[in-house]
Amino acid sequence: MQEEEYRISLFKPTTQQALKNRNLIIQLFTVWAIAIFGFQILLKILEKPVPEDALIAFSAAWEKVKSGNADAADYVSAGQSMVQAMGKSTIKAHEYSALQDGVGWMLANVYPADELDDLQKDVHRLSALREQITSLRDEDYLEAKELIISKAAPALDIDQGTLLAQLLAIGLDGELMQISDENKSRIPDIMGLYMTHNRSVLTDTIFLGFPFHYFYTSVFLLLFFIGLCWFYCYKTDKLHARLNFLELEKID
């Protein structure tokens, strides 16, 4: 008795229908791969590092700070920029610590000298409360934070009702007038790392209210995949009709 062979291999099709189906799958997979990975390659080819405005302002002010020729506006500009960098979600602990020293140093250079000791005590008190509290809604903690905001934010020309003011109060820690030579030398590199972004026409162009690269990867590719699935089904049905390929339905 002759046994029928039912094993099916995508790479070794045994019938014309299987061969054409295999070729269609390869073609659609190639289109899908180009649409995804080709766009990523294009992004890498076109991208150029672009500094944020805050980094440009920081770089100009930092050069004057290092040379000892900085005025109050330079300390304010550098301090504001570092506070913005402290808000980056991916920043590492040792980099955050370096920026804390930098912000405290900038603040100390523009804050009234006769009131600096009181501000330092407030900073120490907030740091101590941060270690003790079990909830960020603790009244003593919130009161201490708002006190520092009311004192420190105006000195760095930061609006007290902004997120930047919250970051400033949370970021101040340790001795305001002290900054290690190591942290001082690392701060420019840290700022450059977190305040520079790779951009191109693909990221700057707005399409339907979204940056084009975001729309392409989040919306278009999803619709494109659905379209490929529909096209596969359509071509498969046409192929079956042309080859008189019939599927046997089981009737109960």
Protein backbone atom coordinates (compact mmCIF):
# COMPACT_ATOMS: atom_id res chain seq x y z
CA MET A 1 0.00 0.00 0.00
CA GLN A 2 1.46 3.35 -1.05
CA GLU A 3 1.71 5.98 1.66
CA GLU A 4 0.96 9.62 0.82
CA GLU A 5 3.50 12.30 1.80
CA TYR A 6 1.93 15.10 3.81
CA ARG A 7 5.06 16.86 5.08
CA ILE A 8 5.23 20.51 3.99
CA SER A 9 8.42 22.58 3.89
CA LEU A 10 8.49 26.33 3.28
CA PHE A 11 12.02 26.05 1.90
CA LYS A 12 11.45 22.97 -0.28
CA PRO A 13 7.99 23.38 -1.85
CA THR A 14 6.76 20.26 -3.67
CA THR A 15 3.85 21.78 -5.61
CA GLN A 16 3.37 24.84 -7.78
CA GLN A 17 0.92 26.28 -5.24
CA ALA A 18 3.42 25.84 -2.42
CA LEU A 19 6.21 27.38 -4.52
CA LYS A 20 4.22 30.50 -5.36
CA ASN A 21 3.02 30.81 -1.77
CA ARG A 22 6.63 30.55 -0.56
CA ASN A 23 7.74 33.25 -2.99
CA LEU A 24 4.89 35.54 -1.93
CA ILE A 25 5.83 35.15 1.73
CA ILE A 26 9.48 35.97 0.98
CA GLN A 27 8.50 39.04 -1.04
CA LEU A 28 6.19 40.41 1.65
CA PHE A 29 8.74 39.69 4.38
CA THR A 30 11.38 41.58 2.38
CA VAL A 31 9.08 44.58 1.98
CA TRP A 32 8.28 44.49 5.70
CA ALA A 33 11.98 44.31 6.65
CA ILE A 34 12.89 47.21 4.37
CA ALA A 35 10.05 49.31 5.75
CA ILE A 36 11.24 48.78 9.33
CA PHE A 37 15.01 48.44 9.24
CA GLY A 38 15.52 50.60 6.15
CA PHE A 39 13.86 53.52 7.93
CA GLN A 40 16.09 53.04 10.98
CA ILE A 41 19.18 52.99 8.76
CA LEU A 42 17.95 56.15 7.03
CA LEU A 43 17.51 57.83 10.41
CA LYS A 44 21.12 57.00 11.31
CA ILE A 45 22.41 58.27 7.96
CA LEU A 46 20.58 61.60 8.15
CA GLU A 47 20.89 62.32 11.86
CA LYS A 48 23.10 65.11 13.17
CA PRO A 49 23.81 65.99 16.82
CA VAL A 50 21.91 69.15 17.74
CA PRO A 51 22.41 70.80 21.16
CA GLU A 52 19.45 72.08 23.14
CA ASP A 53 19.24 75.83 23.67
CA ALA A 54 20.00 75.22 27.33
CA LEU A 55 23.29 73.53 26.41
CA ILE A 56 24.30 76.43 24.17
CA ALA A 57 23.60 78.87 27.01
CA PHE A 58 25.44 76.65 29.49
CA SER A 59 28.54 76.30 27.33
CA ALA A 60 28.88 80.07 26.92
CA ALA A 61 28.39 80.71 30.63
CA TRP A 62 30.60 77.82 31.77
CA GLU A 63 33.62 79.13 29.90
CA LYS A 64 33.33 82.40 31.80
CA VAL A 65 32.80 80.56 35.10
CA LYS A 66 35.97 78.50 34.57
CA SER A 67 38.02 81.57 33.65
CA GLY A 68 36.77 83.53 36.64
CA ASN A 69 35.14 86.21 34.48
CA ALA A 70 31.53 85.21 35.09
CA ASP A 71 28.93 87.68 36.29
CA ALA A 72 25.60 86.93 38.00
CA ALA A 73 23.84 86.33 34.66
CA ASP A 74 26.37 83.65 33.75
CA TYR A 75 25.90 81.81 37.05
CA VAL A 76 22.12 81.99 36.61
CA SER A 77 22.31 80.71 33.03
CA ALA A 78 24.59 77.79 33.94
CA GLY A 79 22.50 76.95 37.00
CA GLN A 80 19.22 76.89 35.07
CA SER A 81 20.70 74.67 32.39
CA MET A 82 22.01 72.15 34.92
CA VAL A 83 18.64 72.00 36.67
CA GLN A 84 17.07 71.10 33.33
CA ALA A 85 19.62 68.31 32.84
CA MET A 86 18.80 66.96 36.32
CA GLY A 87 15.27 66.31 35.11
CA LYS A 88 16.40 63.77 32.49
CA SER A 89 14.88 60.40 33.39
CA THR A 90 17.90 58.38 32.22
CA ILE A 91 20.55 60.27 34.17
CA LYS A 92 22.82 58.10 36.31
CA ALA A 93 23.27 58.57 40.06
CA HIS A 94 26.89 59.74 39.96
CA GLU A 95 26.10 62.17 37.14
CA TYR A 96 23.12 63.52 39.05
CA SER A 97 25.36 64.01 42.09
CA ALA A 98 27.84 66.01 40.02
CA LEU A 99 25.06 68.27 38.76
CA GLN A 100 23.80 68.72 42.31
CA ASP A 101 27.20 70.09 43.29
CA GLY A 102 27.22 72.31 40.22
CA VAL A 103 23.76 73.77 40.84
CA GLY A 104 24.55 74.41 44.49
CA TRP A 105 27.77 76.16 43.51
CA MET A 106 25.99 78.35 40.92
CA LEU A 107 23.29 79.23 43.43
CA ALA A 108 25.78 80.13 46.14
CA ASN A 109 27.46 82.62 43.81
CA VAL A 110 24.26 84.61 43.19
CA TYR A 111 22.52 84.21 46.55
CA PRO A 112 22.85 87.01 49.13
CA ALA A 113 25.91 86.16 51.20
CA ASP A 114 24.31 87.15 54.51
CA GLU A 115 21.39 84.76 53.88
CA LEU A 116 23.37 81.81 52.54
CA ASP A 117 23.83 80.14 55.93
CA ASP A 118 20.07 80.06 56.50
CA LEU A 119 19.51 78.56 53.06
CA GLN A 120 22.16 75.94 53.77
CA LYS A 121 20.34 74.96 56.97
CA ASP A 122 17.08 74.65 55.04
CA VAL A 123 18.77 72.39 52.50
CA HIS A 124 20.16 70.15 55.25
CA ARG A 125 16.72 69.98 56.89
CA LEU A 126 15.04 68.97 53.64
CA SER A 127 17.71 66.30 53.03
CA ALA A 128 17.12 64.89 56.52
CA LEU A 129 13.35 64.85 56.04
CA ARG A 130 13.78 63.08 52.70
CA GLU A 131 15.46 60.20 54.52
CA GLN A 132 12.74 59.99 57.17
CA ILE A 133 9.45 60.39 55.34
CA THR A 134 7.31 57.52 54.14
CA SER A 135 5.17 59.63 51.81
CA LEU A 136 5.96 62.50 49.47
CA ARG A 137 2.82 64.18 50.85
CA ASP A 138 4.32 64.52 54.29
CA GLU A 139 3.40 68.02 55.47
CA ASP A 140 6.77 68.84 57.02
CA TYR A 141 8.57 67.70 53.87
CA LEU A 142 6.31 69.71 51.57
CA GLU A 143 6.65 72.77 53.76
CA ALA A 144 10.45 72.50 53.77
CA LYS A 145 10.53 72.04 49.99
CA GLU A 146 8.29 75.03 49.35
CA LEU A 147 10.47 77.15 51.63
CA ILE A 148 13.57 76.32 49.59
CA ILE A 149 11.70 77.00 46.35
CA SER A 150 10.63 80.41 47.61
CA LYS A 151 14.25 81.24 48.43
CA ALA A 152 16.32 79.52 45.74
CA ALA A 153 14.13 79.72 42.63
CA PRO A 154 14.10 83.55 42.38
CA ALA A 155 17.89 83.61 42.74
CA LEU A 156 18.24 81.48 39.59
CA ASP A 157 15.40 83.36 37.86
CA ILE A 158 13.14 80.28 37.90
CA ASP A 159 9.36 80.62 38.15
CA GLN A 160 8.28 79.14 41.48
CA GLY A 161 5.24 77.44 39.97
CA THR A 162 7.17 75.41 37.39
CA LEU A 163 8.54 71.90 37.33
CA LEU A 164 12.00 73.42 37.11
CA ALA A 165 11.51 74.92 40.58
CA GLN A 166 10.53 71.49 41.94
CA LEU A 167 13.64 69.94 40.39
CA LEU A 168 15.78 72.66 41.95
CA ALA A 169 14.45 72.03 45.46
CA ILE A 170 14.83 68.26 45.14
CA GLY A 171 18.28 68.58 43.62
CA LEU A 172 19.89 70.81 46.21
CA ASP A 173 21.88 68.69 48.64
CA GLY A 174 25.10 68.87 50.63
CA GLU A 175 27.28 71.97 50.92
CA LEU A 176 26.27 74.67 48.49
CA MET A 177 29.64 76.40 48.27
CA GLN A 178 31.66 73.23 47.72
CA ILE A 179 32.29 71.44 44.45
CA SER A 180 35.04 68.89 43.84
CA ASP A 181 37.50 69.36 41.00
CA GLU A 182 36.38 65.99 39.63
CA ASN A 183 32.74 67.03 39.41
CA LYS A 184 33.71 70.40 37.99
CA SER A 185 35.60 68.72 35.15
CA ARG A 186 32.82 66.17 34.49
CA ILE A 187 29.88 68.56 34.31
CA PRO A 188 30.48 69.76 30.70
CA ASP A 189 30.58 66.17 29.43
CA ILE A 190 27.43 65.29 31.38
CA MET A 191 25.62 68.30 29.97
CA GLY A 192 26.74 67.45 26.45
CA LEU A 193 25.54 63.86 26.83
CA TYR A 194 22.04 64.65 28.05
CA MET A 195 21.39 67.94 26.30
CA THR A 196 22.40 66.90 22.76
CA HIS A 197 19.98 65.02 20.52
CA ASN A 198 20.34 63.41 17.10
CA ARG A 199 17.92 65.12 14.75
CA SER A 200 17.14 65.24 11.03
CA VAL A 201 14.40 66.22 8.63
CA LEU A 202 12.67 62.95 9.57
CA THR A 203 12.43 63.95 13.23
CA ASP A 204 11.78 67.67 12.76
CA THR A 205 9.01 67.37 10.16
CA ILE A 206 5.51 67.43 11.67
CA PHE A 207 2.96 65.12 10.00
CA LEU A 208 -0.66 65.05 11.20
CA GLY A 209 0.42 66.66 14.45
CA PHE A 210 3.24 64.19 15.15
CA PRO A 211 6.98 64.21 14.42
CA PHE A 212 7.25 62.20 11.21
CA HIS A 213 9.51 59.47 12.66
CA TYR A 214 7.04 58.91 15.51
CA PHE A 215 4.04 58.75 13.15
CA TYR A 216 5.89 56.38 10.82
CA THR A 217 6.93 53.89 13.52
CA SER A 218 3.86 54.10 15.76
CA VAL A 219 1.02 54.52 13.28
CA PHE A 220 2.07 53.89 9.68
CA LEU A 221 3.98 50.64 10.30
CA LEU A 222 0.99 49.20 12.19
CA LEU A 223 -1.37 50.03 9.33
CA PHE A 224 1.23 48.81 6.84
CA PHE A 225 1.44 45.41 8.58
CA ILE A 226 -2.34 45.05 8.46
CA GLY A 227 -2.22 45.98 4.78
CA LEU A 228 0.41 43.31 4.10
CA CYS A 229 -1.76 40.70 5.83
CA TRP A 230 -4.75 41.69 3.71
CA PHE A 231 -2.65 41.65 0.53
CA TYR A 232 -1.34 38.16 1.38
CA CYS A 233 -4.88 36.84 1.81
CA TYR A 234 -6.00 38.53 -1.43
CA LYS A 235 -3.09 37.13 -3.46
CA THR A 236 -3.54 33.69 -1.93
CA ASP A 237 -7.20 33.59 -2.93
CA LYS A 238 -6.31 34.67 -6.48
CA LEU A 239 -3.60 32.01 -6.61
CA HIS A 240 -5.97 29.29 -5.45
CA ALA A 241 -8.54 30.31 -8.05
CA ARG A 242 -5.97 30.30 -10.87
CA LEU A 243 -4.58 26.90 -9.91
CA ASN A 244 -8.02 25.39 -9.18
CA PHE A 245 -6.85 24.70 -5.65
CA LEU A 246 -9.80 23.48 -3.58
CA GLU A 247 -10.02 23.06 0.17
CA LEU A 248 -12.10 20.15 1.38
CA GLU A 249 -14.51 21.13 4.12
CA LYS A 250 -15.45 18.59 6.72
CA ILE A 251 -19.22 18.19 6.94
CA ASP A 252 -20.62 16.93 10.23
